[in-house]
Amino acid sequence: MIERINGLKGLHNLEIQKNQKTSGQNDLNFSQMLKDAINEVNDLQVKSDKMTTDYAAGRITSIEQVTVAAEKASLSLKLTTEVTSKVIEAYKEIMRLQL
């Protein structure tokens, strides 16, 4: 059976933390959320690279696991790239606004 691919954990955790806000405290700021998401993407890339190396060395026999890990890493990197592009585009649009 095909395993369901979950979204970025950082974004899901943000929603949970948003619902659990305590009074007078800012639980998570944008820069921390961005750092967490980038770290998660990096972790997926590192895991994929390790699995590929292990497969090449014969420590993993299931090519399916390696392929799934590589696709997860690839999709998360593409998502991060698209989000980054949209954020930069929005910033440029804001800078063009005349007050």
C-alpha atoms as a PDB file:
ATOM      1  CA  MET A   1       0.000   0.000   0.000  1.00  0.00           C
ATOM      2  CA  ILE A   2       1.239   3.488  -0.750  1.00  0.00           C
ATOM      3  CA  GLU A   3       2.110   5.549   2.295  1.00  0.00           C
ATOM      4  CA  ARG A   4       0.442   8.942   2.618  1.00  0.00           C
ATOM      5  CA  ILE A   5       2.849  11.859   2.230  1.00  0.00           C
ATOM      6  CA  ASN A   6       2.325  14.344   5.033  1.00  0.00           C
ATOM      7  CA  GLY A   7       2.906  18.064   4.702  1.00  0.00           C
ATOM      8  CA  LEU A   8       5.763  19.916   6.314  1.00  0.00           C
ATOM      9  CA  LYS A   9       5.659  19.310  10.033  1.00  0.00           C
ATOM     10  CA  GLY A  10       6.699  22.865  10.761  1.00  0.00           C
ATOM     11  CA  LEU A  11       3.561  24.246   9.155  1.00  0.00           C
ATOM     12  CA  HIS A  12       1.329  21.782  10.985  1.00  0.00           C
ATOM     13  CA  ASN A  13       3.025  22.591  14.293  1.00  0.00           C
ATOM     14  CA  LEU A  14       2.489  26.271  13.600  1.00  0.00           C
ATOM     15  CA  GLU A  15      -1.268  25.718  13.404  1.00  0.00           C
ATOM     16  CA  ILE A  16      -1.226  23.773  16.662  1.00  0.00           C
ATOM     17  CA  GLN A  17       0.853  26.421  18.389  1.00  0.00           C
ATOM     18  CA  LYS A  18      -1.395  29.133  17.003  1.00  0.00           C
ATOM     19  CA  ASN A  19      -4.352  27.460  18.695  1.00  0.00           C
ATOM     20  CA  GLN A  20      -2.446  27.081  21.969  1.00  0.00           C
ATOM     21  CA  LYS A  21      -1.356  30.714  22.365  1.00  0.00           C
ATOM     22  CA  THR A  22      -0.912  31.908  25.897  1.00  0.00           C
ATOM     23  CA  SER A  23      -1.942  35.401  26.842  1.00  0.00           C
ATOM     24  CA  GLY A  24       0.723  38.078  26.443  1.00  0.00           C
ATOM     25  CA  GLN A  25       3.233  35.799  24.706  1.00  0.00           C
ATOM     26  CA  ASN A  26       4.179  35.478  21.066  1.00  0.00           C
ATOM     27  CA  ASP A  27       4.743  31.710  20.632  1.00  0.00           C
ATOM     28  CA  LEU A  28       6.319  31.707  17.196  1.00  0.00           C
ATOM     29  CA  ASN A  29       7.567  34.477  14.991  1.00  0.00           C
ATOM     30  CA  PHE A  30       7.938  34.361  11.231  1.00  0.00           C
ATOM     31  CA  SER A  31      11.719  34.047  11.202  1.00  0.00           C
ATOM     32  CA  GLN A  32      11.639  31.087  13.584  1.00  0.00           C
ATOM     33  CA  MET A  33       8.941  29.386  11.511  1.00  0.00           C
ATOM     34  CA  LEU A  34      11.048  29.903   8.380  1.00  0.00           C
ATOM     35  CA  LYS A  35      14.180  28.535  10.057  1.00  0.00           C
ATOM     36  CA  ASP A  36      12.287  25.467  11.269  1.00  0.00           C
ATOM     37  CA  ALA A  37      10.865  24.775   7.814  1.00  0.00           C
ATOM     38  CA  ILE A  38      14.283  25.145   6.165  1.00  0.00           C
ATOM     39  CA  ASN A  39      15.854  22.865   8.776  1.00  0.00           C
ATOM     40  CA  GLU A  40      13.167  20.270   8.095  1.00  0.00           C
ATOM     41  CA  VAL A  41      13.852  20.418   4.351  1.00  0.00           C
ATOM     42  CA  ASN A  42      17.562  20.041   5.067  1.00  0.00           C
ATOM     43  CA  ASP A  43      16.893  17.029   7.293  1.00  0.00           C
ATOM     44  CA  LEU A  44      14.892  15.384   4.499  1.00  0.00           C
ATOM     45  CA  GLN A  45      17.748  16.009   2.049  1.00  0.00           C
ATOM     46  CA  VAL A  46      20.319  14.554   4.457  1.00  0.00           C
ATOM     47  CA  LYS A  47      18.116  11.504   5.121  1.00  0.00           C
ATOM     48  CA  SER A  48      17.682  10.959   1.377  1.00  0.00           C
ATOM     49  CA  ASP A  49      21.429  11.206   0.772  1.00  0.00           C
ATOM     50  CA  LYS A  50      22.151   8.768   3.603  1.00  0.00           C
ATOM     51  CA  MET A  51      19.604   6.264   2.301  1.00  0.00           C
ATOM     52  CA  THR A  52      21.074   6.520  -1.194  1.00  0.00           C
ATOM     53  CA  THR A  53      24.564   5.887   0.182  1.00  0.00           C
ATOM     54  CA  ASP A  54      23.297   2.978   2.280  1.00  0.00           C
ATOM     55  CA  TYR A  55      21.565   1.478  -0.754  1.00  0.00           C
ATOM     56  CA  ALA A  56      24.728   1.775  -2.829  1.00  0.00           C
ATOM     57  CA  ALA A  57      26.692   0.079  -0.035  1.00  0.00           C
ATOM     58  CA  GLY A  58      24.136  -2.733   0.215  1.00  0.00           C
ATOM     59  CA  ARG A  59      22.896  -1.877   3.721  1.00  0.00           C
ATOM     60  CA  ILE A  60      19.382  -1.193   2.366  1.00  0.00           C
ATOM     61  CA  THR A  61      17.813  -3.624  -0.077  1.00  0.00           C
ATOM     62  CA  SER A  62      14.517  -1.825  -0.715  1.00  0.00           C
ATOM     63  CA  ILE A  63      14.787   0.617  -3.608  1.00  0.00           C
ATOM     64  CA  GLU A  64      11.231   1.737  -2.823  1.00  0.00           C
ATOM     65  CA  GLN A  65      12.314   3.260   0.493  1.00  0.00           C
ATOM     66  CA  VAL A  66      15.162   5.098  -1.194  1.00  0.00           C
ATOM     67  CA  THR A  67      12.892   6.385  -3.964  1.00  0.00           C
ATOM     68  CA  VAL A  68      10.227   7.587  -1.522  1.00  0.00           C
ATOM     69  CA  ALA A  69      12.838   9.392   0.598  1.00  0.00           C
ATOM     70  CA  ALA A  70      14.302  11.030  -2.519  1.00  0.00           C
ATOM     71  CA  GLU A  71      10.866  12.151  -3.724  1.00  0.00           C
ATOM     72  CA  LYS A  72       9.938  13.567  -0.310  1.00  0.00           C
ATOM     73  CA  ALA A  73      13.188  15.533  -0.265  1.00  0.00           C
ATOM     74  CA  SER A  74      12.677  16.720  -3.834  1.00  0.00           C
ATOM     75  CA  LEU A  75       9.077  17.820  -3.285  1.00  0.00           C
ATOM     76  CA  SER A  76       9.900  19.623  -0.053  1.00  0.00           C
ATOM     77  CA  LEU A  77      12.752  21.474  -1.767  1.00  0.00           C
ATOM     78  CA  LYS A  78      10.469  22.480  -4.659  1.00  0.00           C
ATOM     79  CA  LEU A  79       7.822  23.690  -2.201  1.00  0.00           C
ATOM     80  CA  THR A  80      10.408  25.698  -0.282  1.00  0.00           C
ATOM     81  CA  THR A  81      11.681  27.250  -3.510  1.00  0.00           C
ATOM     82  CA  GLU A  82       8.160  28.216  -4.596  1.00  0.00           C
ATOM     83  CA  VAL A  83       7.300  29.694  -1.206  1.00  0.00           C
ATOM     84  CA  THR A  84      10.556  31.653  -1.183  1.00  0.00           C
ATOM     85  CA  SER A  85       9.811  33.019  -4.654  1.00  0.00           C
ATOM     86  CA  LYS A  86       6.315  34.088  -3.580  1.00  0.00           C
ATOM     87  CA  VAL A  87       7.641  35.792  -0.453  1.00  0.00           C
ATOM     88  CA  ILE A  88      10.244  37.695  -2.471  1.00  0.00           C
ATOM     89  CA  GLU A  89       7.615  38.636  -5.058  1.00  0.00           C
ATOM     90  CA  ALA A  90       5.300  39.906  -2.302  1.00  0.00           C
ATOM     91  CA  TYR A  91       8.139  41.902  -0.733  1.00  0.00           C
ATOM     92  CA  LYS A  92       8.967  43.531  -4.080  1.00  0.00           C
ATOM     93  CA  GLU A  93       5.292  44.380  -4.582  1.00  0.00           C
ATOM     94  CA  ILE A  94       5.118  45.983  -1.135  1.00  0.00           C
ATOM     95  CA  MET A  95       8.258  48.008  -1.894  1.00  0.00           C
ATOM     96  CA  ARG A  96       6.640  49.317  -5.094  1.00  0.00           C
ATOM     97  CA  LEU A  97       3.617  50.643  -3.226  1.00  0.00           C
ATOM     98  CA  GLN A  98       3.429  54.397  -2.930  1.00  0.00           C
ATOM     99  CA  LEU A  99       2.315  55.804   0.364  1.00  0.00           C
END
